[in-house]
N, C-alpha and C. Protein backbone atom coordinates (compact mmCIF):
# COMPACT_ATOMS: atom_id res chain seq x y z
N UNK A 1 -4.52 66.73 -32.76
CA UNK A 1 -5.04 65.71 -31.94
C UNK A 1 -4.37 65.67 -30.50
N UNK A 2 -4.98 65.76 -29.39
CA UNK A 2 -4.41 65.41 -28.22
C UNK A 2 -3.85 64.00 -28.13
N UNK A 3 -2.61 63.87 -27.70
CA UNK A 3 -2.09 62.57 -27.46
C UNK A 3 -1.92 61.75 -28.57
N UNK A 4 -1.34 62.19 -29.60
CA UNK A 4 -1.26 61.29 -30.88
C UNK A 4 -0.52 60.15 -30.59
N UNK A 5 0.32 60.39 -29.72
CA UNK A 5 1.21 59.11 -29.43
C UNK A 5 0.56 57.93 -28.73
N UNK A 6 -0.75 58.04 -28.31
CA UNK A 6 -1.76 57.24 -27.61
C UNK A 6 -2.57 56.61 -28.73
N UNK A 7 -2.48 57.08 -30.02
CA UNK A 7 -3.17 56.38 -31.25
C UNK A 7 -2.42 55.25 -31.66
N UNK A 8 -2.90 54.26 -31.83
CA UNK A 8 -2.41 52.98 -32.25
C UNK A 8 -2.66 52.79 -33.79
N UNK A 9 -1.55 52.48 -34.63
CA UNK A 9 -1.61 52.00 -36.00
C UNK A 9 -1.91 50.59 -36.26
N UNK A 10 -2.89 50.20 -37.02
CA UNK A 10 -2.96 48.75 -37.29
C UNK A 10 -2.49 48.97 -39.05
N UNK A 11 -1.53 47.83 -39.19
CA UNK A 11 -1.15 47.98 -40.69
C UNK A 11 -1.57 46.54 -41.06
N UNK A 12 -2.44 46.52 -42.20
CA UNK A 12 -2.77 45.24 -42.80
C UNK A 12 -1.80 44.63 -43.40
N UNK A 13 -1.19 43.51 -43.24
CA UNK A 13 0.00 43.01 -43.78
C UNK A 13 -0.02 41.57 -44.05
N UNK A 14 -1.54 41.03 -44.38
CA UNK A 14 -1.46 39.53 -44.71
C UNK A 14 -1.58 39.13 -45.78
N UNK A 15 -1.38 39.80 -47.03
CA UNK A 15 -1.75 39.43 -48.28
C UNK A 15 -0.58 38.54 -48.70
N UNK A 16 -1.06 37.76 -49.73
CA UNK A 16 -0.28 36.61 -50.42
C UNK A 16 0.63 37.34 -51.54
N UNK A 17 0.35 38.49 -52.01
CA UNK A 17 0.93 39.13 -53.14
C UNK A 17 0.92 38.08 -54.55
N UNK A 18 -0.09 37.43 -54.67
CA UNK A 18 -0.08 36.69 -55.89
C UNK A 18 0.21 37.51 -57.31
N UNK A 19 -0.28 38.84 -57.28
CA UNK A 19 0.08 39.50 -58.48
C UNK A 19 1.60 39.85 -58.71
N UNK A 20 2.34 39.82 -57.72
CA UNK A 20 3.71 39.80 -57.70
C UNK A 20 4.57 38.58 -58.01
N UNK A 21 3.76 37.42 -58.18
CA UNK A 21 4.54 36.24 -58.60
C UNK A 21 5.39 36.25 -59.59
N UNK A 22 5.43 36.80 -60.65
CA UNK A 22 6.48 36.96 -61.64
C UNK A 22 7.69 37.43 -61.07
N UNK A 23 7.69 38.47 -60.06
CA UNK A 23 8.70 39.26 -59.65
C UNK A 23 9.27 38.46 -58.33
N UNK A 24 8.22 38.04 -57.68
CA UNK A 24 8.65 37.68 -56.20
C UNK A 24 7.83 36.28 -55.84
N UNK A 25 8.57 35.29 -55.49
CA UNK A 25 8.05 33.82 -55.35
C UNK A 25 8.02 33.62 -53.76
N UNK A 26 8.89 34.30 -53.14
CA UNK A 26 9.30 33.87 -51.66
C UNK A 26 8.99 34.95 -50.56
N UNK A 27 8.65 35.86 -50.93
CA UNK A 27 8.34 37.08 -49.74
C UNK A 27 6.80 37.41 -49.60
N UNK A 28 6.33 37.59 -48.36
CA UNK A 28 5.12 38.40 -48.47
C UNK A 28 5.08 39.54 -49.09
N UNK A 29 4.22 40.18 -49.69
CA UNK A 29 4.35 41.27 -50.56
C UNK A 29 4.49 42.57 -49.53
N UNK A 30 4.44 42.70 -48.54
CA UNK A 30 4.97 43.59 -47.63
C UNK A 30 6.45 43.83 -47.41
N UNK A 31 7.13 42.73 -47.64
CA UNK A 31 8.51 42.59 -47.46
C UNK A 31 9.08 42.77 -48.73
N UNK A 32 8.40 42.96 -50.08
CA UNK A 32 9.29 43.00 -51.42
C UNK A 32 9.93 44.34 -51.32
N UNK A 33 11.17 44.16 -51.49
CA UNK A 33 12.19 45.34 -51.56
C UNK A 33 11.80 46.37 -52.71
N UNK A 34 11.97 47.77 -52.12
CA UNK A 34 11.66 48.93 -52.89
C UNK A 34 12.74 49.81 -52.73
N UNK A 35 13.49 50.06 -53.50
CA UNK A 35 14.71 50.91 -53.13
C UNK A 35 15.63 50.13 -51.94
N UNK A 36 15.76 48.88 -52.08
CA UNK A 36 16.62 48.17 -51.17
C UNK A 36 16.09 48.07 -49.60
N UNK A 37 14.72 48.42 -49.42
CA UNK A 37 14.12 48.54 -48.05
C UNK A 37 12.74 47.73 -48.19
N UNK A 38 12.42 46.89 -47.16
CA UNK A 38 10.91 46.38 -47.44
C UNK A 38 9.89 47.24 -47.68
N UNK A 39 8.84 46.95 -48.27
CA UNK A 39 7.89 48.01 -48.70
C UNK A 39 7.25 48.36 -47.43
N UNK A 40 6.97 47.70 -46.65
CA UNK A 40 6.19 48.30 -45.30
C UNK A 40 7.06 49.15 -44.54
N UNK A 41 8.19 49.17 -44.46
CA UNK A 41 8.99 50.06 -43.62
C UNK A 41 8.55 51.77 -44.08
N UNK A 42 8.26 51.65 -45.40
CA UNK A 42 7.84 53.08 -45.91
C UNK A 42 6.69 53.63 -45.21
N UNK A 43 5.63 52.75 -44.97
CA UNK A 43 4.51 53.02 -44.27
C UNK A 43 4.83 53.13 -42.95
N UNK A 44 5.68 52.27 -42.33
CA UNK A 44 5.84 52.48 -40.96
C UNK A 44 6.54 53.85 -40.50
N UNK A 45 7.57 54.31 -41.41
CA UNK A 45 8.12 55.62 -41.36
C UNK A 45 6.98 56.74 -41.19
N UNK A 46 6.05 56.43 -42.21
CA UNK A 46 5.07 57.49 -42.31
C UNK A 46 4.37 57.61 -40.94
N UNK A 47 3.95 56.47 -40.41
CA UNK A 47 3.19 56.42 -39.02
C UNK A 47 4.37 57.01 -38.19
N UNK A 48 5.60 56.90 -37.97
CA UNK A 48 6.34 57.47 -37.04
C UNK A 48 6.53 58.79 -37.12
N UNK A 49 6.37 59.42 -38.33
CA UNK A 49 6.47 60.73 -38.61
C UNK A 49 5.28 61.45 -37.87
N UNK A 50 4.26 60.75 -37.87
CA UNK A 50 2.99 61.30 -37.26
C UNK A 50 3.19 61.40 -35.56
N UNK A 51 4.13 60.83 -35.11
CA UNK A 51 4.15 60.65 -33.56
C UNK A 51 3.77 59.37 -33.06
N UNK A 52 3.04 58.53 -33.88
CA UNK A 52 2.56 57.16 -33.14
C UNK A 52 3.45 56.44 -32.77
N UNK A 53 3.43 55.75 -31.80
CA UNK A 53 4.62 54.93 -31.09
C UNK A 53 4.28 53.48 -30.92
N UNK A 54 3.27 53.18 -31.22
CA UNK A 54 2.66 51.41 -31.39
C UNK A 54 2.14 51.10 -32.56
N UNK A 55 2.25 50.13 -33.12
CA UNK A 55 1.92 49.58 -34.37
C UNK A 55 1.51 48.03 -34.32
N UNK A 56 0.49 47.77 -34.66
CA UNK A 56 -0.10 46.38 -34.90
C UNK A 56 0.01 45.88 -36.10
N UNK A 57 0.88 44.94 -36.48
CA UNK A 57 1.04 44.52 -37.83
C UNK A 57 -0.10 43.27 -37.88
N UNK A 58 -0.96 43.15 -38.66
CA UNK A 58 -1.97 42.19 -39.14
C UNK A 58 -1.39 41.44 -40.17
N UNK A 59 -0.66 40.20 -39.62
CA UNK A 59 -0.06 39.31 -40.64
C UNK A 59 -0.78 38.09 -40.84
N UNK A 60 -0.26 37.37 -41.87
CA UNK A 60 -1.01 36.11 -42.22
C UNK A 60 0.11 35.16 -42.89
N UNK A 61 -0.18 35.15 -44.32
CA UNK A 61 0.84 34.46 -45.07
C UNK A 61 2.32 35.26 -44.74
N UNK A 62 3.41 34.25 -44.57
CA UNK A 62 4.59 34.72 -44.26
C UNK A 62 4.80 35.63 -43.01
N UNK A 63 4.12 35.23 -42.02
CA UNK A 63 4.11 36.26 -40.81
C UNK A 63 5.38 35.84 -39.97
N UNK A 64 5.92 34.79 -40.05
CA UNK A 64 7.27 34.49 -39.42
C UNK A 64 8.29 35.28 -40.10
N UNK A 65 8.14 35.41 -41.40
CA UNK A 65 9.23 36.04 -42.29
C UNK A 65 9.12 37.71 -41.86
N UNK A 66 7.94 38.04 -41.72
CA UNK A 66 7.59 39.65 -41.43
C UNK A 66 8.17 39.79 -39.96
N UNK A 67 7.86 38.94 -39.21
CA UNK A 67 8.39 39.16 -37.73
C UNK A 67 10.07 39.10 -37.94
N UNK A 68 10.49 38.13 -38.48
CA UNK A 68 12.08 38.10 -38.62
C UNK A 68 12.64 39.57 -39.13
N UNK A 69 11.95 40.19 -40.02
CA UNK A 69 12.56 41.24 -40.82
C UNK A 69 12.37 42.46 -40.18
N UNK A 70 11.07 42.49 -39.43
CA UNK A 70 10.97 43.81 -38.62
C UNK A 70 11.11 43.84 -37.16
N UNK A 71 10.71 42.65 -36.56
CA UNK A 71 11.06 42.33 -35.03
C UNK A 71 9.97 43.11 -34.22
N UNK A 72 10.34 43.39 -32.85
CA UNK A 72 9.16 44.01 -31.97
C UNK A 72 9.70 45.38 -31.80
N UNK A 73 10.42 46.12 -32.41
CA UNK A 73 10.92 47.45 -32.38
C UNK A 73 11.17 47.90 -33.69
N UNK A 74 10.71 49.23 -34.10
CA UNK A 74 11.21 49.75 -35.40
C UNK A 74 11.21 51.19 -35.02
N UNK A 75 12.50 51.62 -35.01
CA UNK A 75 12.78 53.17 -35.05
C UNK A 75 11.93 53.80 -33.83
N UNK A 76 11.93 53.07 -32.47
CA UNK A 76 11.32 53.48 -31.19
C UNK A 76 9.80 53.23 -31.27
N UNK A 77 9.36 52.41 -32.35
CA UNK A 77 7.97 52.24 -32.15
C UNK A 77 7.86 50.70 -31.79
N UNK A 78 6.99 50.57 -30.84
CA UNK A 78 6.73 49.04 -30.47
C UNK A 78 5.88 48.28 -31.36
N UNK A 79 6.40 47.08 -31.92
CA UNK A 79 5.45 46.45 -32.91
C UNK A 79 4.94 45.23 -32.19
N UNK A 80 3.50 45.04 -32.53
CA UNK A 80 2.79 44.03 -31.94
C UNK A 80 2.23 43.32 -33.05
N UNK A 81 2.15 42.00 -32.93
CA UNK A 81 1.88 41.15 -34.19
C UNK A 81 0.50 40.46 -33.75
N UNK A 82 -0.51 40.64 -34.70
CA UNK A 82 -1.85 39.80 -34.97
C UNK A 82 -1.68 38.69 -35.97
N UNK A 83 -1.66 37.61 -35.61
CA UNK A 83 -1.31 36.60 -36.71
C UNK A 83 -2.70 35.80 -37.22
N UNK A 84 -3.26 35.91 -38.25
CA UNK A 84 -4.36 35.08 -38.85
C UNK A 84 -3.85 33.75 -39.23
N UNK A 85 -4.45 32.89 -38.80
CA UNK A 85 -4.18 31.45 -39.16
C UNK A 85 -4.75 31.15 -40.48
N UNK A 86 -5.72 31.85 -40.77
CA UNK A 86 -6.25 31.66 -42.38
C UNK A 86 -6.71 33.28 -42.72
N UNK A 87 -6.90 33.40 -43.99
CA UNK A 87 -7.23 34.81 -44.41
C UNK A 87 -8.59 35.23 -43.91
N UNK A 88 -8.74 36.35 -43.31
CA UNK A 88 -9.89 36.97 -42.68
C UNK A 88 -10.48 38.10 -43.40
N UNK A 89 -9.63 38.68 -44.24
CA UNK A 89 -10.14 39.93 -44.79
C UNK A 89 -9.98 41.05 -44.00
N UNK A 90 -10.26 42.31 -44.53
CA UNK A 90 -9.86 43.38 -43.62
C UNK A 90 -10.81 43.51 -42.47
N UNK A 91 -12.08 43.32 -42.49
CA UNK A 91 -12.72 43.47 -41.21
C UNK A 91 -12.34 42.42 -40.20
N UNK A 92 -12.10 40.90 -40.71
CA UNK A 92 -11.74 39.90 -39.91
C UNK A 92 -10.52 40.19 -39.33
N UNK A 93 -9.43 40.76 -40.04
CA UNK A 93 -8.12 40.87 -39.42
C UNK A 93 -8.37 42.04 -38.34
N UNK A 94 -9.06 42.94 -38.60
CA UNK A 94 -9.12 44.22 -37.51
C UNK A 94 -10.01 43.32 -36.51
N UNK A 95 -10.98 42.64 -36.39
CA UNK A 95 -11.51 42.16 -35.40
C UNK A 95 -10.58 41.09 -34.70
N UNK A 96 -9.74 40.43 -35.15
CA UNK A 96 -8.91 39.54 -34.64
C UNK A 96 -7.77 40.25 -33.61
N UNK A 97 -7.41 41.43 -34.18
CA UNK A 97 -6.54 42.49 -33.57
C UNK A 97 -7.32 43.16 -32.37
N UNK A 98 -8.59 43.15 -32.34
CA UNK A 98 -9.20 44.05 -31.32
C UNK A 98 -8.93 43.93 -29.93
N UNK A 99 -8.60 42.84 -29.33
CA UNK A 99 -8.18 42.63 -27.95
C UNK A 99 -6.71 43.46 -27.72
N UNK A 100 -5.86 43.51 -28.84
CA UNK A 100 -4.72 44.31 -28.74
C UNK A 100 -4.61 45.70 -28.77
N UNK A 101 -5.81 46.34 -29.17
CA UNK A 101 -6.04 47.74 -29.40
C UNK A 101 -6.43 48.39 -28.01
N UNK A 102 -5.64 49.46 -27.50
CA UNK A 102 -5.94 49.99 -26.11
C UNK A 102 -5.95 51.27 -26.35
N UNK A 103 -6.47 51.88 -27.45
CA UNK A 103 -6.75 53.36 -27.62
C UNK A 103 -8.00 53.74 -28.18
N UNK A 104 -8.49 55.02 -27.98
CA UNK A 104 -9.87 55.40 -28.31
C UNK A 104 -9.81 55.54 -29.89
N UNK A 105 -8.71 55.77 -30.50
CA UNK A 105 -8.59 55.98 -31.84
C UNK A 105 -7.75 55.04 -32.47
N UNK A 106 -8.08 54.45 -33.82
CA UNK A 106 -7.14 53.41 -34.23
C UNK A 106 -6.97 53.88 -35.90
N UNK A 107 -5.61 54.10 -36.05
CA UNK A 107 -5.30 54.49 -37.76
C UNK A 107 -4.97 53.23 -38.20
N UNK A 108 -5.73 52.89 -39.31
CA UNK A 108 -5.79 51.55 -40.14
C UNK A 108 -5.24 51.83 -41.57
N UNK A 109 -4.06 51.30 -41.89
CA UNK A 109 -3.51 51.47 -43.11
C UNK A 109 -3.35 50.11 -43.83
N UNK A 110 -3.49 50.22 -45.20
CA UNK A 110 -3.41 49.02 -46.19
C UNK A 110 -1.73 48.75 -46.20
N UNK A 111 -1.35 47.52 -45.94
CA UNK A 111 0.14 47.52 -45.97
C UNK A 111 0.72 47.20 -47.48
N UNK A 112 -0.15 47.32 -48.35
CA UNK A 112 0.41 47.15 -49.54
C UNK A 112 0.14 48.33 -50.62
N UNK A 113 -0.03 49.50 -49.98
CA UNK A 113 0.04 50.65 -50.85
C UNK A 113 0.20 52.01 -49.91
N UNK A 114 0.85 52.92 -50.47
CA UNK A 114 1.08 53.96 -49.83
C UNK A 114 0.44 55.30 -50.41
N UNK A 115 -0.23 56.13 -49.44
CA UNK A 115 -1.12 57.19 -49.82
C UNK A 115 -0.26 58.42 -48.93
N UNK A 116 0.32 59.12 -49.82
CA UNK A 116 1.00 60.41 -49.32
C UNK A 116 0.08 61.32 -48.78
N UNK A 117 0.07 61.35 -47.43
CA UNK A 117 -0.59 62.32 -46.88
C UNK A 117 -0.21 62.76 -45.46
N UNK A 118 -0.54 63.78 -44.93
CA UNK A 118 -0.29 64.25 -43.73
C UNK A 118 -1.01 63.40 -42.54
N UNK A 119 -0.52 62.34 -42.02
CA UNK A 119 -1.40 61.73 -40.94
C UNK A 119 -1.73 62.46 -39.83
N UNK A 120 -0.79 63.35 -39.35
CA UNK A 120 -1.24 64.38 -38.26
C UNK A 120 -2.42 65.12 -38.56
N UNK A 121 -2.52 65.74 -39.57
CA UNK A 121 -3.72 66.55 -40.06
C UNK A 121 -4.87 65.87 -40.08
N UNK A 122 -4.79 64.29 -40.67
CA UNK A 122 -5.80 63.70 -40.87
C UNK A 122 -6.48 63.29 -39.47
N UNK A 123 -5.43 62.86 -38.47
CA UNK A 123 -5.93 62.58 -37.17
C UNK A 123 -6.67 63.82 -36.37
N UNK A 124 -6.08 65.00 -36.71
CA UNK A 124 -6.61 66.43 -36.19
C UNK A 124 -8.33 66.39 -36.78
N UNK A 125 -8.37 66.33 -38.20
CA UNK A 125 -9.64 66.51 -39.09
C UNK A 125 -10.55 65.47 -38.35
N UNK A 126 -10.17 64.19 -38.05
CA UNK A 126 -11.10 63.14 -37.49
C UNK A 126 -11.71 63.55 -36.26
N UNK A 127 -10.70 64.21 -35.37
CA UNK A 127 -11.25 64.55 -33.90
C UNK A 127 -12.18 65.72 -34.29
N UNK A 128 -11.75 66.64 -34.98
CA UNK A 128 -12.50 67.91 -35.12
C UNK A 128 -14.00 67.68 -35.56
N UNK A 129 -14.07 66.64 -36.55
CA UNK A 129 -15.40 66.37 -36.97
C UNK A 129 -16.18 65.33 -36.05
N UNK A 130 -15.45 65.08 -35.03
CA UNK A 130 -16.19 64.06 -34.08
C UNK A 130 -16.74 62.74 -34.89
N UNK A 131 -16.02 62.41 -35.76
CA UNK A 131 -16.24 61.28 -36.52
C UNK A 131 -16.03 59.93 -35.93
N UNK A 132 -16.90 59.01 -36.28
CA UNK A 132 -16.62 57.56 -35.99
C UNK A 132 -15.68 56.73 -36.85
N UNK A 133 -15.56 57.20 -37.96
CA UNK A 133 -14.96 56.77 -39.03
C UNK A 133 -14.43 57.77 -40.00
N UNK A 134 -13.17 57.93 -40.55
CA UNK A 134 -12.64 58.86 -41.52
C UNK A 134 -11.85 57.86 -42.54
N UNK A 135 -12.09 58.31 -43.87
CA UNK A 135 -11.19 57.79 -44.87
C UNK A 135 -10.45 58.72 -45.64
N UNK A 136 -9.42 58.26 -45.95
CA UNK A 136 -8.72 59.08 -46.91
C UNK A 136 -9.07 58.70 -48.34
N UNK A 137 -9.66 59.60 -49.19
CA UNK A 137 -9.79 59.45 -50.43
C UNK A 137 -9.08 60.19 -51.48
N UNK A 138 -8.69 59.53 -52.52
CA UNK A 138 -7.75 60.10 -53.46
C UNK A 138 -8.60 60.26 -54.77
N UNK A 139 -8.44 61.45 -55.56
CA UNK A 139 -9.00 61.72 -56.76
C UNK A 139 -8.18 61.10 -57.81
N UNK A 140 -8.70 60.26 -58.62
CA UNK A 140 -8.18 59.53 -59.79
C UNK A 140 -8.67 59.62 -61.00
N UNK A 141 -7.98 59.82 -62.06
CA UNK A 141 -8.43 60.01 -63.52
C UNK A 141 -9.14 58.79 -63.94
N UNK A 142 -8.66 57.42 -63.20
CA UNK A 142 -9.22 56.28 -63.75
C UNK A 142 -9.72 55.64 -62.50
N UNK A 143 -10.95 55.59 -62.18
CA UNK A 143 -11.29 54.89 -60.87
C UNK A 143 -11.84 53.53 -61.28
N UNK A 144 -12.20 53.03 -62.34
CA UNK A 144 -12.76 51.76 -62.61
C UNK A 144 -11.93 50.67 -61.96
N UNK A 145 -10.66 50.66 -62.01
CA UNK A 145 -9.78 49.61 -61.54
C UNK A 145 -9.70 49.57 -59.97
N UNK A 146 -10.29 50.52 -59.31
CA UNK A 146 -10.04 50.69 -57.92
C UNK A 146 -11.37 50.65 -57.23
N UNK A 147 -12.49 50.88 -57.76
CA UNK A 147 -13.81 51.02 -57.26
C UNK A 147 -14.07 52.59 -56.89
N UNK A 148 -15.20 53.01 -56.90
CA UNK A 148 -15.42 54.59 -56.79
C UNK A 148 -16.28 54.81 -55.49
N UNK A 149 -15.59 55.82 -54.88
CA UNK A 149 -16.47 56.13 -53.64
C UNK A 149 -17.20 57.47 -54.08
N UNK A 150 -18.68 57.67 -53.57
CA UNK A 150 -19.41 58.64 -54.10
C UNK A 150 -19.67 59.36 -52.62
N UNK A 151 -19.38 60.71 -52.63
CA UNK A 151 -19.55 61.51 -51.59
C UNK A 151 -20.55 62.56 -51.85
N UNK A 152 -21.09 63.11 -50.89
CA UNK A 152 -22.23 64.22 -50.83
C UNK A 152 -21.44 65.46 -50.74
N UNK A 153 -22.36 66.58 -50.77
CA UNK A 153 -21.79 67.86 -50.87
C UNK A 153 -20.80 68.24 -49.52
N UNK A 154 -21.16 67.42 -48.55
CA UNK A 154 -20.58 67.73 -47.05
C UNK A 154 -19.33 66.80 -46.95
N UNK A 155 -19.00 66.07 -48.19
CA UNK A 155 -17.92 65.32 -47.97
C UNK A 155 -17.98 63.91 -47.33
N UNK A 156 -19.29 63.42 -47.04
CA UNK A 156 -19.57 62.18 -46.56
C UNK A 156 -20.01 61.34 -47.52
N UNK A 157 -19.34 59.99 -47.17
CA UNK A 157 -19.54 59.03 -48.13
C UNK A 157 -20.93 58.54 -48.15
N UNK A 158 -21.59 58.27 -49.45
CA UNK A 158 -22.95 57.83 -49.61
C UNK A 158 -22.96 56.52 -50.19
N UNK A 159 -21.81 56.01 -50.85
CA UNK A 159 -21.96 54.90 -51.68
C UNK A 159 -20.63 54.58 -51.88
N UNK A 160 -20.16 53.16 -52.12
CA UNK A 160 -19.26 52.62 -52.59
C UNK A 160 -19.41 51.92 -53.78
N UNK A 161 -18.97 52.11 -55.01
CA UNK A 161 -19.17 51.40 -56.28
C UNK A 161 -18.04 50.48 -56.40
N UNK A 162 -18.08 49.03 -56.06
CA UNK A 162 -17.12 48.19 -56.17
C UNK A 162 -16.49 48.04 -57.46
N UNK A 163 -17.47 47.90 -58.53
CA UNK A 163 -17.24 47.65 -59.71
C UNK A 163 -17.87 48.73 -60.65
N UNK A 164 -17.62 49.77 -60.95
CA UNK A 164 -18.23 50.57 -61.68
C UNK A 164 -18.49 50.27 -63.12
N UNK A 165 -19.50 50.62 -63.72
CA UNK A 165 -19.64 50.14 -65.15
C UNK A 165 -18.91 50.82 -66.12
N UNK A 166 -18.56 52.15 -65.92
CA UNK A 166 -17.67 52.76 -66.90
C UNK A 166 -16.42 53.65 -66.07
N UNK A 167 -15.27 53.71 -66.73
CA UNK A 167 -14.07 54.31 -66.31
C UNK A 167 -14.26 55.93 -66.31
N UNK A 168 -13.63 56.52 -65.65
CA UNK A 168 -13.40 58.02 -65.59
C UNK A 168 -13.10 58.46 -64.26
N UNK A 169 -12.99 59.85 -64.15
CA UNK A 169 -12.52 60.48 -62.95
C UNK A 169 -13.27 60.05 -61.62
N UNK A 170 -12.93 60.10 -60.67
CA UNK A 170 -13.67 59.85 -59.33
C UNK A 170 -12.69 59.83 -58.20
N UNK A 171 -13.39 59.55 -57.10
CA UNK A 171 -12.57 59.35 -55.68
C UNK A 171 -12.61 57.90 -55.53
N UNK A 172 -11.37 57.38 -55.16
CA UNK A 172 -11.09 56.14 -54.73
C UNK A 172 -10.54 55.90 -53.30
N UNK A 173 -10.63 55.02 -52.69
CA UNK A 173 -10.06 54.71 -51.37
C UNK A 173 -8.58 54.68 -51.21
N UNK A 174 -8.11 55.34 -50.42
CA UNK A 174 -6.82 55.59 -50.22
C UNK A 174 -6.06 54.49 -49.33
N UNK A 175 -6.84 53.72 -48.78
CA UNK A 175 -6.47 52.76 -47.98
C UNK A 175 -5.90 53.09 -46.51
N UNK A 176 -6.35 54.38 -46.14
CA UNK A 176 -5.96 54.99 -44.75
C UNK A 176 -7.22 55.19 -44.16
N UNK A 177 -7.31 54.68 -42.82
CA UNK A 177 -8.81 54.88 -42.32
C UNK A 177 -8.37 55.26 -40.75
N UNK A 178 -9.15 56.11 -40.15
CA UNK A 178 -9.18 56.54 -38.71
C UNK A 178 -10.61 56.04 -38.29
N UNK A 179 -10.48 55.08 -37.24
CA UNK A 179 -11.69 54.54 -36.76
C UNK A 179 -11.68 54.96 -35.08
N UNK A 180 -12.84 55.42 -34.60
CA UNK A 180 -12.81 55.52 -33.29
C UNK A 180 -13.40 54.19 -32.72
N UNK A 181 -12.71 53.75 -31.61
CA UNK A 181 -13.07 52.40 -31.00
C UNK A 181 -14.27 52.21 -30.51
């Protein structure tokens, strides 16, 4: 993609981490250490490897802790914060951050999961397809706990099954999106 450095990454980092409570009671889930590093830094490293130079962190719970841990610069990437006063969900968090987004393409990533993928290739694919929105899908042997994504023969999404009736193999949302503003 031309000018990958002009793409802005938005990382959704506002979750409470309630399922981590037996392990962690004090930190927002994106700051829980994995191999002695805050989890979110692995996602930010992946973004940096793609050549993206600006990240918007959509924070909520523990926003000040996230800012104190990450700051306004991470490995040469500019970090901007969009802080939710109350949980807004994925769409609400993106809408709140909209005035901060000054690029034609926005890479959106869940801050609580890692999808090992080549982001540069994903960005090129999105542009070649002239898509308005692209989503990384992951093939899973057990899709029931994640929701299932149904695609047609051309790879276009035709349906999301939030709570499938039965388990089995299928495509699931990888938590990585590219949206044309």
